[in-house]
Amino acid sequence: MSADFPDYLDVDYTDGEGEDPEDYPSLEDKIEKAVEVVRTGLEEYENPAIMWTGGKDSTLTLYFVKEVAEEYGYEMPPAIFIDHYQHFDDLLDFAERWSDEWDFELIYARNEDVGDYVEANDLEPGDDIEISELSEHNQHHVRDILEYEEDTFPFLLDTYVGNHLLKTVALNDALEEYDVDGIFSGIRWDEQEARADETFFSPRHDPDIYPPHDRIQPILQFDEAAVWDAFWHYVVPESVDEFPDEGYVPQSYDDLPNDLSHEDIPVSPKYFKAFRSLGSEVSTDKAAEEPAWLQNLEETTERAGRAQDKEDLMERLRDLGYM
């Protein structure tokens, strides 16, 4: 990373301050802002990347970056996919499929020290991990940064220590290894209180916590319904030749037009199966019976199927570099 970081950048860290999705009333308004943020990000950052989970928000962000890069002649950044060892079975296949289809480099960020320990000891989710058996790097994060005092922690993603080591440390190590100065992130204002005050360009410059970098956040202004509207009327029609140009909203798991299969669509099949959030196979359940976009998005919580102990710690986790 340049010693001058972030002085070589000319971005407005206050852009979006005090705003919410209602400041962008139409889908076209939201898309226009997303394109503006992405174009600035591709122009200003020397070595950007995209944080991709395979979920709807990060895939929408990835799509915007791909489209803007193609239209304006920028190099397509790589996508960093955090492999936390507890994904749904088909999510890694989904990531490989669409990295090939959309022709971008896919980087896997893994905390291999934890992964190797889990494999060597044949652990299952929920089993205890001995902190003393981990690397100095991981022990530093557990003891000095998290100030966690127990001798073990459970091999679970949606816990304070588990989330930090399996996701945040893995991500930060990848940012350092690949010298990333700005990473596109698909978070939204309406998701959680901890994200409500984010701006479109958000600095992460404390070297004691993470490799100095910025978060570039093009879809803050979207709400859940707008994300799905963008998929069924823009992303999918423009990505899949056989999909109706005017868009189409599937009404059930098998309701895809023109003999298309789920493999043809850049939307995880889990969303068709009623999941609204794709945390992990261990701690995420489907939220209802109908596809995600047909559920009561306004009166129910998007992350109802997620383990709430992690959700309750979101503010602290974000301070440490979590999404």
C-alpha atoms as a PDB file:
ATOM      1  CA  MET A   1       0.000   0.000   0.000  1.00  0.00           C
ATOM      2  CA  SER A   2       1.277   3.469  -0.883  1.00  0.00           C
ATOM      3  CA  ALA A   3       2.704   5.427   2.035  1.00  0.00           C
ATOM      4  CA  ASP A   4       0.612   8.371   0.825  1.00  0.00           C
ATOM      5  CA  PHE A   5      -2.686   6.592   1.336  1.00  0.00           C
ATOM      6  CA  PRO A   6      -5.222   8.041   1.369  1.00  0.00           C
ATOM      7  CA  ASP A   7      -3.799  11.360   0.123  1.00  0.00           C
ATOM      8  CA  TYR A   8      -3.814  10.414  -3.552  1.00  0.00           C
ATOM      9  CA  LEU A   9      -7.608  10.029  -3.490  1.00  0.00           C
ATOM     10  CA  ASP A  10     -10.163  12.691  -4.277  1.00  0.00           C
ATOM     11  CA  VAL A  11     -13.378  11.247  -2.872  1.00  0.00           C
ATOM     12  CA  ASP A  12     -16.076  12.816  -0.712  1.00  0.00           C
ATOM     13  CA  TYR A  13     -16.261  10.875   2.540  1.00  0.00           C
ATOM     14  CA  THR A  14     -19.437  12.786   3.485  1.00  0.00           C
ATOM     15  CA  ASP A  15     -21.374  11.774   0.362  1.00  0.00           C
ATOM     16  CA  GLY A  16     -24.638  10.240   1.588  1.00  0.00           C
ATOM     17  CA  GLU A  17     -24.380  11.663   5.096  1.00  0.00           C
ATOM     18  CA  GLY A  18     -27.843  12.088   6.640  1.00  0.00           C
ATOM     19  CA  GLU A  19     -29.565  10.395   3.701  1.00  0.00           C
ATOM     20  CA  ASP A  20     -31.781   7.337   3.505  1.00  0.00           C
ATOM     21  CA  PRO A  21     -33.442   5.346   0.690  1.00  0.00           C
ATOM     22  CA  GLU A  22     -36.302   7.844   0.447  1.00  0.00           C
ATOM     23  CA  ASP A  23     -33.841  10.407  -0.904  1.00  0.00           C
ATOM     24  CA  TYR A  24     -33.661   8.202  -4.013  1.00  0.00           C
ATOM     25  CA  PRO A  25     -37.381   7.645  -4.688  1.00  0.00           C
ATOM     26  CA  SER A  26     -37.316   5.707  -7.967  1.00  0.00           C
ATOM     27  CA  LEU A  27     -35.360   2.652  -9.009  1.00  0.00           C
ATOM     28  CA  GLU A  28     -33.770   4.733 -11.740  1.00  0.00           C
ATOM     29  CA  ASP A  29     -32.597   7.264  -9.123  1.00  0.00           C
ATOM     30  CA  LYS A  30     -30.998   4.464  -7.114  1.00  0.00           C
ATOM     31  CA  ILE A  31     -29.294   2.961 -10.150  1.00  0.00           C
ATOM     32  CA  GLU A  32     -28.018   6.352 -11.315  1.00  0.00           C
ATOM     33  CA  LYS A  33     -26.373   6.926  -7.935  1.00  0.00           C
ATOM     34  CA  ALA A  34     -24.903   3.422  -7.905  1.00  0.00           C
ATOM     35  CA  VAL A  35     -23.320   3.992 -11.316  1.00  0.00           C
ATOM     36  CA  GLU A  36     -21.921   7.344 -10.159  1.00  0.00           C
ATOM     37  CA  VAL A  37     -20.335   5.801  -7.060  1.00  0.00           C
ATOM     38  CA  VAL A  38     -18.914   2.855  -8.980  1.00  0.00           C
ATOM     39  CA  ARG A  39     -17.445   5.069 -11.688  1.00  0.00           C
ATOM     40  CA  THR A  40     -15.774   7.276  -9.086  1.00  0.00           C
ATOM     41  CA  GLY A  41     -14.425   4.191  -7.338  1.00  0.00           C
ATOM     42  CA  LEU A  42     -12.953   2.740 -10.522  1.00  0.00           C
ATOM     43  CA  GLU A  43     -11.433   6.105 -11.406  1.00  0.00           C
ATOM     44  CA  GLU A  44      -9.955   7.020  -8.042  1.00  0.00           C
ATOM     45  CA  TYR A  45      -8.600   3.809  -6.533  1.00  0.00           C
ATOM     46  CA  GLU A  46      -5.365   2.324  -7.777  1.00  0.00           C
ATOM     47  CA  ASN A  47      -6.087  -1.282  -6.811  1.00  0.00           C
ATOM     48  CA  PRO A  48      -9.797  -1.843  -6.088  1.00  0.00           C
ATOM     49  CA  ALA A  49     -11.556  -5.143  -5.454  1.00  0.00           C
ATOM     50  CA  ILE A  50     -15.139  -6.299  -4.924  1.00  0.00           C
ATOM     51  CA  MET A  51     -16.375  -7.976  -1.757  1.00  0.00           C
ATOM     52  CA  TRP A  52     -18.627 -10.777  -2.978  1.00  0.00           C
ATOM     53  CA  THR A  53     -20.632 -13.249  -0.906  1.00  0.00           C
ATOM     54  CA  GLY A  54     -22.850 -14.694  -3.627  1.00  0.00           C
ATOM     55  CA  GLY A  55     -25.833 -13.026  -1.949  1.00  0.00           C
ATOM     56  CA  LYS A  56     -28.193 -10.658  -3.713  1.00  0.00           C
ATOM     57  CA  ASP A  57     -26.687  -7.375  -2.459  1.00  0.00           C
ATOM     58  CA  SER A  58     -23.075  -8.163  -3.253  1.00  0.00           C
ATOM     59  CA  THR A  59     -24.074  -9.706  -6.596  1.00  0.00           C
ATOM     60  CA  LEU A  60     -25.964  -6.529  -7.498  1.00  0.00           C
ATOM     61  CA  THR A  61     -22.866  -4.521  -6.561  1.00  0.00           C
ATOM     62  CA  LEU A  62     -20.691  -6.850  -8.625  1.00  0.00           C
ATOM     63  CA  TYR A  63     -23.030  -6.416 -11.583  1.00  0.00           C
ATOM     64  CA  PHE A  64     -22.856  -2.623 -11.382  1.00  0.00           C
ATOM     65  CA  VAL A  65     -19.054  -2.733 -11.271  1.00  0.00           C
ATOM     66  CA  LYS A  66     -18.944  -5.085 -14.257  1.00  0.00           C
ATOM     67  CA  GLU A  67     -21.311  -2.943 -16.311  1.00  0.00           C
ATOM     68  CA  VAL A  68     -19.564   0.354 -15.517  1.00  0.00           C
ATOM     69  CA  ALA A  69     -16.129  -1.148 -16.182  1.00  0.00           C
ATOM     70  CA  GLU A  70     -17.286  -2.438 -19.562  1.00  0.00           C
ATOM     71  CA  GLU A  71     -19.072   0.772 -20.570  1.00  0.00           C
ATOM     72  CA  TYR A  72     -16.318   3.194 -19.606  1.00  0.00           C
ATOM     73  CA  GLY A  73     -13.274   1.066 -20.332  1.00  0.00           C
ATOM     74  CA  TYR A  74     -12.002   0.403 -16.822  1.00  0.00           C
ATOM     75  CA  GLU A  75     -10.247  -2.793 -15.847  1.00  0.00           C
ATOM     76  CA  MET A  76     -12.596  -5.168 -14.039  1.00  0.00           C
ATOM     77  CA  PRO A  77     -11.415  -5.594 -10.435  1.00  0.00           C
ATOM     78  CA  PRO A  78     -11.153  -9.034  -8.865  1.00  0.00           C
ATOM     79  CA  ALA A  79     -13.830 -10.258  -6.485  1.00  0.00           C
ATOM     80  CA  ILE A  80     -12.858 -11.410  -3.001  1.00  0.00           C
ATOM     81  CA  PHE A  81     -15.067 -14.250  -1.802  1.00  0.00           C
ATOM     82  CA  ILE A  82     -14.802 -15.015   1.919  1.00  0.00           C
ATOM     83  CA  ASP A  83     -14.872 -18.781   2.363  1.00  0.00           C
ATOM     84  CA  HIS A  84     -15.742 -19.284   6.022  1.00  0.00           C
ATOM     85  CA  TYR A  85     -16.085 -23.093   5.742  1.00  0.00           C
ATOM     86  CA  GLN A  86     -19.820 -23.087   6.552  1.00  0.00           C
ATOM     87  CA  HIS A  87     -21.403 -22.055   3.257  1.00  0.00           C
ATOM     88  CA  PHE A  88     -24.478 -23.640   1.771  1.00  0.00           C
ATOM     89  CA  ASP A  89     -23.324 -26.496  -0.449  1.00  0.00           C
ATOM     90  CA  ASP A  90     -24.204 -24.849  -3.739  1.00  0.00           C
ATOM     91  CA  LEU A  91     -22.912 -21.349  -3.015  1.00  0.00           C
ATOM     92  CA  LEU A  92     -19.307 -22.059  -4.015  1.00  0.00           C
ATOM     93  CA  ASP A  93     -20.580 -23.605  -7.253  1.00  0.00           C
ATOM     94  CA  PHE A  94     -22.647 -20.463  -7.831  1.00  0.00           C
ATOM     95  CA  ALA A  95     -19.547 -18.300  -7.326  1.00  0.00           C
ATOM     96  CA  GLU A  96     -17.465 -20.340  -9.763  1.00  0.00           C
ATOM     97  CA  ARG A  97     -20.252 -20.387 -12.344  1.00  0.00           C
ATOM     98  CA  TRP A  98     -20.737 -16.630 -12.431  1.00  0.00           C
ATOM     99  CA  SER A  99     -17.077 -15.700 -12.186  1.00  0.00           C
ATOM    100  CA  ASP A 100     -16.638 -17.711 -15.390  1.00  0.00           C
ATOM    101  CA  GLU A 101     -19.762 -16.288 -17.026  1.00  0.00           C
ATOM    102  CA  TRP A 102     -18.929 -12.680 -16.187  1.00  0.00           C
ATOM    103  CA  ASP A 103     -15.190 -13.198 -16.716  1.00  0.00           C
ATOM    104  CA  PHE A 104     -13.591 -11.782 -13.584  1.00  0.00           C
ATOM    105  CA  GLU A 105     -10.895 -13.040 -11.231  1.00  0.00           C
ATOM    106  CA  LEU A 106     -12.217 -14.773  -8.138  1.00  0.00           C
ATOM    107  CA  ILE A 107     -10.026 -14.652  -5.030  1.00  0.00           C
ATOM    108  CA  TYR A 108     -10.886 -16.848  -2.062  1.00  0.00           C
ATOM    109  CA  ALA A 109     -10.183 -15.298   1.320  1.00  0.00           C
ATOM    110  CA  ARG A 110      -9.820 -18.003   3.980  1.00  0.00           C
ATOM    111  CA  ASN A 111      -8.476 -18.145   7.509  1.00  0.00           C
ATOM    112  CA  GLU A 112      -6.508 -21.248   6.643  1.00  0.00           C
ATOM    113  CA  ASP A 113      -5.016 -21.576  10.122  1.00  0.00           C
ATOM    114  CA  VAL A 114      -8.496 -22.109  11.579  1.00  0.00           C
ATOM    115  CA  GLY A 115      -9.532 -24.247   8.621  1.00  0.00           C
ATOM    116  CA  ASP A 116      -6.492 -26.492   8.987  1.00  0.00           C
ATOM    117  CA  TYR A 117      -7.170 -26.929  12.715  1.00  0.00           C
ATOM    118  CA  VAL A 118     -10.790 -27.849  12.028  1.00  0.00           C
ATOM    119  CA  GLU A 119      -9.782 -30.387   9.387  1.00  0.00           C
ATOM    120  CA  ALA A 120      -6.947 -31.884  11.451  1.00  0.00           C
ATOM    121  CA  ASN A 121      -9.238 -32.378  14.441  1.00  0.00           C
ATOM    122  CA  ASP A 122     -12.262 -33.467  12.406  1.00  0.00           C
ATOM    123  CA  LEU A 123     -14.439 -30.782  13.994  1.00  0.00           C
ATOM    124  CA  GLU A 124     -18.106 -30.180  13.320  1.00  0.00           C
ATOM    125  CA  PRO A 125     -19.823 -26.793  13.650  1.00  0.00           C
ATOM    126  CA  GLY A 126     -20.255 -26.041  17.335  1.00  0.00           C
ATOM    127  CA  ASP A 127     -17.182 -27.992  18.441  1.00  0.00           C
ATOM    128  CA  ASP A 128     -14.605 -26.090  20.475  1.00  0.00           C
ATOM    129  CA  ILE A 129     -11.393 -24.687  19.017  1.00  0.00           C
ATOM    130  CA  GLU A 130      -8.387 -24.385  21.325  1.00  0.00           C
ATOM    131  CA  ILE A 131      -7.096 -20.844  21.019  1.00  0.00           C
ATOM    132  CA  SER A 132      -3.599 -21.849  22.159  1.00  0.00           C
ATOM    133  CA  GLU A 133      -3.339 -24.132  19.104  1.00  0.00           C
ATOM    134  CA  LEU A 134      -3.856 -21.294  16.641  1.00  0.00           C
ATOM    135  CA  SER A 135      -1.227 -19.077  15.037  1.00  0.00           C
ATOM    136  CA  GLU A 136       0.188 -16.009  16.784  1.00  0.00           C
ATOM    137  CA  HIS A 137      -1.705 -13.903  14.266  1.00  0.00           C
ATOM    138  CA  ASN A 138      -5.063 -15.394  15.256  1.00  0.00           C
ATOM    139  CA  GLN A 139      -4.210 -15.402  18.956  1.00  0.00           C
ATOM    140  CA  HIS A 140      -3.375 -11.703  18.703  1.00  0.00           C
ATOM    141  CA  HIS A 141      -6.821 -10.998  17.269  1.00  0.00           C
ATOM    142  CA  VAL A 142      -8.587 -13.088  19.901  1.00  0.00           C
ATOM    143  CA  ARG A 143      -6.640 -11.860  22.934  1.00  0.00           C
ATOM    144  CA  ASP A 144      -5.514  -8.336  22.081  1.00  0.00           C
ATOM    145  CA  ILE A 145      -8.194  -7.047  19.711  1.00  0.00           C
ATOM    146  CA  LEU A 146     -11.310  -8.910  20.833  1.00  0.00           C
ATOM    147  CA  GLU A 147     -10.066  -9.157  24.453  1.00  0.00           C
ATOM    148  CA  TYR A 148     -11.589 -12.628  24.646  1.00  0.00           C
ATOM    149  CA  GLU A 149     -10.431 -14.475  27.748  1.00  0.00           C
ATOM    150  CA  GLU A 150     -11.788 -18.023  27.379  1.00  0.00           C
ATOM    151  CA  ASP A 151      -9.500 -20.911  26.387  1.00  0.00           C
ATOM    152  CA  THR A 152     -11.764 -22.038  23.545  1.00  0.00           C
ATOM    153  CA  PHE A 153     -14.444 -20.742  21.212  1.00  0.00           C
ATOM    154  CA  PRO A 154     -17.049 -22.681  19.212  1.00  0.00           C
ATOM    155  CA  PHE A 155     -16.510 -23.357  15.533  1.00  0.00           C
ATOM    156  CA  LEU A 156     -19.535 -21.298  14.566  1.00  0.00           C
ATOM    157  CA  LEU A 157     -19.692 -18.456  12.101  1.00  0.00           C
ATOM    158  CA  ASP A 158     -22.340 -16.333  13.764  1.00  0.00           C
ATOM    159  CA  THR A 159     -20.541 -15.702  17.051  1.00  0.00           C
ATOM    160  CA  TYR A 160     -18.230 -12.884  18.094  1.00  0.00           C
ATOM    161  CA  VAL A 161     -14.909 -14.767  17.835  1.00  0.00           C
ATOM    162  CA  GLY A 162     -16.003 -17.097  15.057  1.00  0.00           C
ATOM    163  CA  ASN A 163     -17.261 -14.302  12.814  1.00  0.00           C
ATOM    164  CA  HIS A 164     -14.166 -12.204  13.407  1.00  0.00           C
ATOM    165  CA  LEU A 165     -11.638 -14.944  12.661  1.00  0.00           C
ATOM    166  CA  LEU A 166     -13.500 -16.686   9.850  1.00  0.00           C
ATOM    167  CA  LYS A 167     -14.687 -13.582   8.007  1.00  0.00           C
ATOM    168  CA  THR A 168     -13.070 -10.338   9.133  1.00  0.00           C
ATOM    169  CA  VAL A 169      -9.531 -11.623   9.628  1.00  0.00           C
ATOM    170  CA  ALA A 170      -9.777 -13.586   6.384  1.00  0.00           C
ATOM    171  CA  LEU A 171     -10.915 -10.462   4.538  1.00  0.00           C
ATOM    172  CA  ASN A 172      -8.327  -8.157   6.080  1.00  0.00           C
ATOM    173  CA  ASP A 173      -5.524 -10.607   5.344  1.00  0.00           C
ATOM    174  CA  ALA A 174      -6.635 -10.714   1.699  1.00  0.00           C
ATOM    175  CA  LEU A 175      -6.774  -6.912   1.514  1.00  0.00           C
ATOM    176  CA  GLU A 176      -3.199  -6.798   2.745  1.00  0.00           C
ATOM    177  CA  GLU A 177      -1.962  -9.622   0.529  1.00  0.00           C
ATOM    178  CA  TYR A 178      -3.433  -8.085  -2.629  1.00  0.00           C
ATOM    179  CA  ASP A 179      -2.647  -4.481  -1.630  1.00  0.00           C
ATOM    180  CA  VAL A 180      -6.288  -3.384  -2.001  1.00  0.00           C
ATOM    181  CA  ASP A 181      -6.951   0.306  -1.386  1.00  0.00           C
ATOM    182  CA  GLY A 182     -10.720   0.380  -2.030  1.00  0.00           C
ATOM    183  CA  ILE A 183     -13.204  -2.458  -1.834  1.00  0.00           C
ATOM    184  CA  PHE A 184     -16.719  -2.324  -3.264  1.00  0.00           C
ATOM    185  CA  SER A 185     -19.195  -3.492  -0.629  1.00  0.00           C
ATOM    186  CA  GLY A 186     -22.901  -4.265  -1.034  1.00  0.00           C
ATOM    187  CA  ILE A 187     -24.304  -3.030   2.256  1.00  0.00           C
ATOM    188  CA  ARG A 188     -27.511  -0.991   2.558  1.00  0.00           C
ATOM    189  CA  TRP A 189     -28.759   1.663   4.952  1.00  0.00           C
ATOM    190  CA  ASP A 190     -31.978  -0.200   5.692  1.00  0.00           C
ATOM    191  CA  GLU A 191     -30.397  -3.544   6.636  1.00  0.00           C
ATOM    192  CA  GLN A 192     -29.327  -2.807  10.197  1.00  0.00           C
ATOM    193  CA  GLU A 193     -29.004   0.113  12.573  1.00  0.00           C
ATOM    194  CA  ALA A 194     -25.227  -0.342  12.561  1.00  0.00           C
ATOM    195  CA  ARG A 195     -25.162   0.460   8.830  1.00  0.00           C
ATOM    196  CA  ALA A 196     -27.642   3.340   8.790  1.00  0.00           C
ATOM    197  CA  ASP A 197     -25.000   6.082   9.053  1.00  0.00           C
ATOM    198  CA  GLU A 198     -22.619   4.747   6.409  1.00  0.00           C
ATOM    199  CA  THR A 199     -21.532   6.964   3.511  1.00  0.00           C
ATOM    200  CA  PHE A 200     -20.824   6.000  -0.081  1.00  0.00           C
ATOM    201  CA  PHE A 201     -17.071   6.243   0.524  1.00  0.00           C
ATOM    202  CA  SER A 202     -16.220   5.061   4.002  1.00  0.00           C
ATOM    203  CA  PRO A 203     -12.636   5.223   5.359  1.00  0.00           C
ATOM    204  CA  ARG A 204     -11.010   2.328   7.189  1.00  0.00           C
ATOM    205  CA  HIS A 205      -7.607   3.838   7.928  1.00  0.00           C
ATOM    206  CA  ASP A 206      -6.547   2.572  11.365  1.00  0.00           C
ATOM    207  CA  PRO A 207      -3.501   0.330  10.727  1.00  0.00           C
ATOM    208  CA  ASP A 208      -3.798  -1.215  14.195  1.00  0.00           C
ATOM    209  CA  ILE A 209      -7.134  -2.790  13.237  1.00  0.00           C
ATOM    210  CA  TYR A 210      -7.044  -3.446   9.486  1.00  0.00           C
ATOM    211  CA  PRO A 211      -4.954  -2.712   6.390  1.00  0.00           C
ATOM    212  CA  PRO A 212      -5.821   0.916   5.574  1.00  0.00           C
ATOM    213  CA  HIS A 213      -8.456   0.983   2.833  1.00  0.00           C
ATOM    214  CA  ASP A 214     -11.810   2.503   1.913  1.00  0.00           C
ATOM    215  CA  ARG A 215     -15.187   0.859   1.546  1.00  0.00           C
ATOM    216  CA  ILE A 216     -16.931   1.886  -1.681  1.00  0.00           C
ATOM    217  CA  GLN A 217     -20.658   1.335  -1.117  1.00  0.00           C
ATOM    218  CA  PRO A 218     -22.779   1.874  -4.249  1.00  0.00           C
ATOM    219  CA  ILE A 219     -26.117   0.408  -3.104  1.00  0.00           C
ATOM    220  CA  LEU A 220     -26.626   2.063   0.283  1.00  0.00           C
ATOM    221  CA  GLN A 221     -29.714   3.769  -1.147  1.00  0.00           C
ATOM    222  CA  PHE A 222     -31.442   0.519  -2.127  1.00  0.00           C
ATOM    223  CA  ASP A 223     -33.960  -1.241   0.084  1.00  0.00           C
ATOM    224  CA  GLU A 224     -34.669  -4.962  -0.153  1.00  0.00           C
ATOM    225  CA  ALA A 225     -37.563  -4.576  -2.575  1.00  0.00           C
ATOM    226  CA  ALA A 226     -35.525  -2.321  -4.868  1.00  0.00           C
ATOM    227  CA  VAL A 227     -32.727  -4.884  -4.973  1.00  0.00           C
ATOM    228  CA  TRP A 228     -35.144  -7.491  -6.276  1.00  0.00           C
ATOM    229  CA  ASP A 229     -36.712  -5.039  -8.731  1.00  0.00           C
ATOM    230  CA  ALA A 230     -33.236  -4.346 -10.091  1.00  0.00           C
ATOM    231  CA  PHE A 231     -32.572  -8.063 -10.509  1.00  0.00           C
ATOM    232  CA  TRP A 232     -35.764  -8.994 -12.313  1.00  0.00           C
ATOM    233  CA  HIS A 233     -35.935  -5.895 -14.539  1.00  0.00           C
ATOM    234  CA  TYR A 234     -32.253  -5.115 -15.177  1.00  0.00           C
ATOM    235  CA  VAL A 235     -29.644  -7.633 -14.021  1.00  0.00           C
ATOM    236  CA  VAL A 236     -31.256 -10.858 -15.196  1.00  0.00           C
ATOM    237  CA  PRO A 237     -32.697  -9.562 -18.516  1.00  0.00           C
ATOM    238  CA  GLU A 238     -29.323  -8.042 -19.411  1.00  0.00           C
ATOM    239  CA  SER A 239     -27.328 -11.113 -18.327  1.00  0.00           C
ATOM    240  CA  VAL A 240     -29.477 -13.933 -19.711  1.00  0.00           C
ATOM    241  CA  ASP A 241     -30.290 -13.864 -23.433  1.00  0.00           C
ATOM    242  CA  GLU A 242     -33.428 -15.994 -23.118  1.00  0.00           C
ATOM    243  CA  PHE A 243     -34.939 -13.929 -20.307  1.00  0.00           C
ATOM    244  CA  PRO A 244     -37.694 -11.482 -21.345  1.00  0.00           C
ATOM    245  CA  ASP A 245     -36.216  -8.065 -22.153  1.00  0.00           C
ATOM    246  CA  GLU A 246     -39.000  -6.298 -20.274  1.00  0.00           C
ATOM    247  CA  GLY A 247     -38.288  -8.342 -17.151  1.00  0.00           C
ATOM    248  CA  TYR A 248     -40.215 -11.022 -15.362  1.00  0.00           C
ATOM    249  CA  VAL A 249     -40.812 -11.752 -11.666  1.00  0.00           C
ATOM    250  CA  PRO A 250     -40.890 -15.515 -10.915  1.00  0.00           C
ATOM    251  CA  GLN A 251     -43.841 -16.534  -8.782  1.00  0.00           C
ATOM    252  CA  SER A 252     -42.512 -19.871  -7.516  1.00  0.00           C
ATOM    253  CA  TYR A 253     -39.408 -22.058  -7.437  1.00  0.00           C
ATOM    254  CA  ASP A 254     -40.109 -23.553 -10.876  1.00  0.00           C
ATOM    255  CA  ASP A 255     -41.445 -20.403 -12.498  1.00  0.00           C
ATOM    256  CA  LEU A 256     -38.704 -19.447 -14.943  1.00  0.00           C
ATOM    257  CA  PRO A 257     -39.567 -18.378 -18.502  1.00  0.00           C
ATOM    258  CA  ASN A 258     -38.388 -19.910 -21.777  1.00  0.00           C
ATOM    259  CA  ASP A 259     -37.193 -23.214 -20.275  1.00  0.00           C
ATOM    260  CA  LEU A 260     -34.467 -21.514 -18.277  1.00  0.00           C
ATOM    261  CA  SER A 261     -32.961 -23.307 -15.273  1.00  0.00           C
ATOM    262  CA  HIS A 262     -31.667 -21.892 -12.009  1.00  0.00           C
ATOM    263  CA  GLU A 263     -28.125 -22.392 -13.275  1.00  0.00           C
ATOM    264  CA  ASP A 264     -28.874 -19.832 -16.008  1.00  0.00           C
ATOM    265  CA  ILE A 265     -29.856 -17.102 -13.536  1.00  0.00           C
ATOM    266  CA  PRO A 266     -27.411 -14.999 -11.458  1.00  0.00           C
ATOM    267  CA  VAL A 267     -29.618 -15.453  -8.387  1.00  0.00           C
ATOM    268  CA  SER A 268     -28.860 -18.120  -5.790  1.00  0.00           C
ATOM    269  CA  PRO A 269     -31.479 -20.898  -5.803  1.00  0.00           C
ATOM    270  CA  LYS A 270     -31.703 -20.458  -2.020  1.00  0.00           C
ATOM    271  CA  TYR A 271     -33.698 -17.276  -2.605  1.00  0.00           C
ATOM    272  CA  PHE A 272     -36.183 -19.264  -4.675  1.00  0.00           C
ATOM    273  CA  LYS A 273     -36.430 -21.657  -1.707  1.00  0.00           C
ATOM    274  CA  ALA A 274     -37.581 -18.855   0.639  1.00  0.00           C
ATOM    275  CA  PHE A 275     -34.260 -17.840   2.201  1.00  0.00           C
ATOM    276  CA  ARG A 276     -33.921 -14.065   2.453  1.00  0.00           C
ATOM    277  CA  SER A 277     -30.362 -14.093   3.751  1.00  0.00           C
ATOM    278  CA  LEU A 278     -27.481 -16.479   3.005  1.00  0.00           C
ATOM    279  CA  GLY A 279     -25.427 -16.487   6.199  1.00  0.00           C
ATOM    280  CA  SER A 280     -24.360 -20.100   6.626  1.00  0.00           C
ATOM    281  CA  GLU A 281     -25.846 -23.565   6.343  1.00  0.00           C
ATOM    282  CA  VAL A 282     -25.483 -23.956  10.108  1.00  0.00           C
ATOM    283  CA  SER A 283     -27.228 -20.842  11.352  1.00  0.00           C
ATOM    284  CA  THR A 284     -29.579 -19.621   8.617  1.00  0.00           C
ATOM    285  CA  ASP A 285     -33.109 -20.889   7.997  1.00  0.00           C
ATOM    286  CA  LYS A 286     -35.621 -20.006   5.342  1.00  0.00           C
ATOM    287  CA  ALA A 287     -37.895 -17.163   6.348  1.00  0.00           C
ATOM    288  CA  ALA A 288     -41.214 -18.330   4.835  1.00  0.00           C
ATOM    289  CA  GLU A 289     -42.468 -20.602   2.041  1.00  0.00           C
ATOM    290  CA  GLU A 290     -42.502 -18.371  -1.025  1.00  0.00           C
ATOM    291  CA  PRO A 291     -39.456 -16.972  -2.866  1.00  0.00           C
ATOM    292  CA  ALA A 292     -37.663 -14.165  -1.064  1.00  0.00           C
ATOM    293  CA  TRP A 293     -38.943 -11.331  -3.279  1.00  0.00           C
ATOM    294  CA  LEU A 294     -42.591 -12.381  -2.773  1.00  0.00           C
ATOM    295  CA  GLN A 295     -42.450 -12.312   1.021  1.00  0.00           C
ATOM    296  CA  ASN A 296     -43.726  -9.464   3.199  1.00  0.00           C
ATOM    297  CA  LEU A 297     -40.594  -7.344   2.846  1.00  0.00           C
ATOM    298  CA  GLU A 298     -41.966  -4.264   4.594  1.00  0.00           C
ATOM    299  CA  GLU A 299     -43.352  -5.848   7.762  1.00  0.00           C
ATOM    300  CA  THR A 300     -40.869  -8.670   8.421  1.00  0.00           C
ATOM    301  CA  THR A 301     -37.140  -8.578   9.051  1.00  0.00           C
ATOM    302  CA  GLU A 302     -34.816  -9.574   6.259  1.00  0.00           C
ATOM    303  CA  ARG A 303     -32.427 -11.369   8.623  1.00  0.00           C
ATOM    304  CA  ALA A 304     -35.032 -13.245  10.646  1.00  0.00           C
ATOM    305  CA  GLY A 305     -33.443 -16.552   9.695  1.00  0.00           C
ATOM    306  CA  ARG A 306     -30.010 -15.523  10.976  1.00  0.00           C
ATOM    307  CA  ALA A 307     -28.482 -16.283  14.382  1.00  0.00           C
ATOM    308  CA  GLN A 308     -29.179 -13.226  16.453  1.00  0.00           C
ATOM    309  CA  ASP A 309     -26.175 -13.380  18.773  1.00  0.00           C
ATOM    310  CA  LYS A 310     -24.021 -12.148  15.911  1.00  0.00           C
ATOM    311  CA  GLU A 311     -26.598  -9.601  14.826  1.00  0.00           C
ATOM    312  CA  ASP A 312     -26.616  -8.107  18.323  1.00  0.00           C
ATOM    313  CA  LEU A 313     -22.831  -7.646  18.134  1.00  0.00           C
ATOM    314  CA  MET A 314     -22.880  -5.962  14.719  1.00  0.00           C
ATOM    315  CA  GLU A 315     -21.660  -2.571  15.931  1.00  0.00           C
ATOM    316  CA  ARG A 316     -18.568  -4.015  17.571  1.00  0.00           C
ATOM    317  CA  LEU A 317     -17.879  -6.333  14.649  1.00  0.00           C
ATOM    318  CA  ARG A 318     -18.064  -3.466  12.150  1.00  0.00           C
ATOM    319  CA  ASP A 319     -15.558  -1.492  14.192  1.00  0.00           C
ATOM    320  CA  LEU A 320     -13.143  -4.381  13.629  1.00  0.00           C
ATOM    321  CA  GLY A 321     -13.621  -4.486   9.891  1.00  0.00           C
ATOM    322  CA  TYR A 322     -16.725  -6.629   9.385  1.00  0.00           C
ATOM    323  CA  MET A 323     -19.039  -5.725   6.493  1.00  0.00           C
END
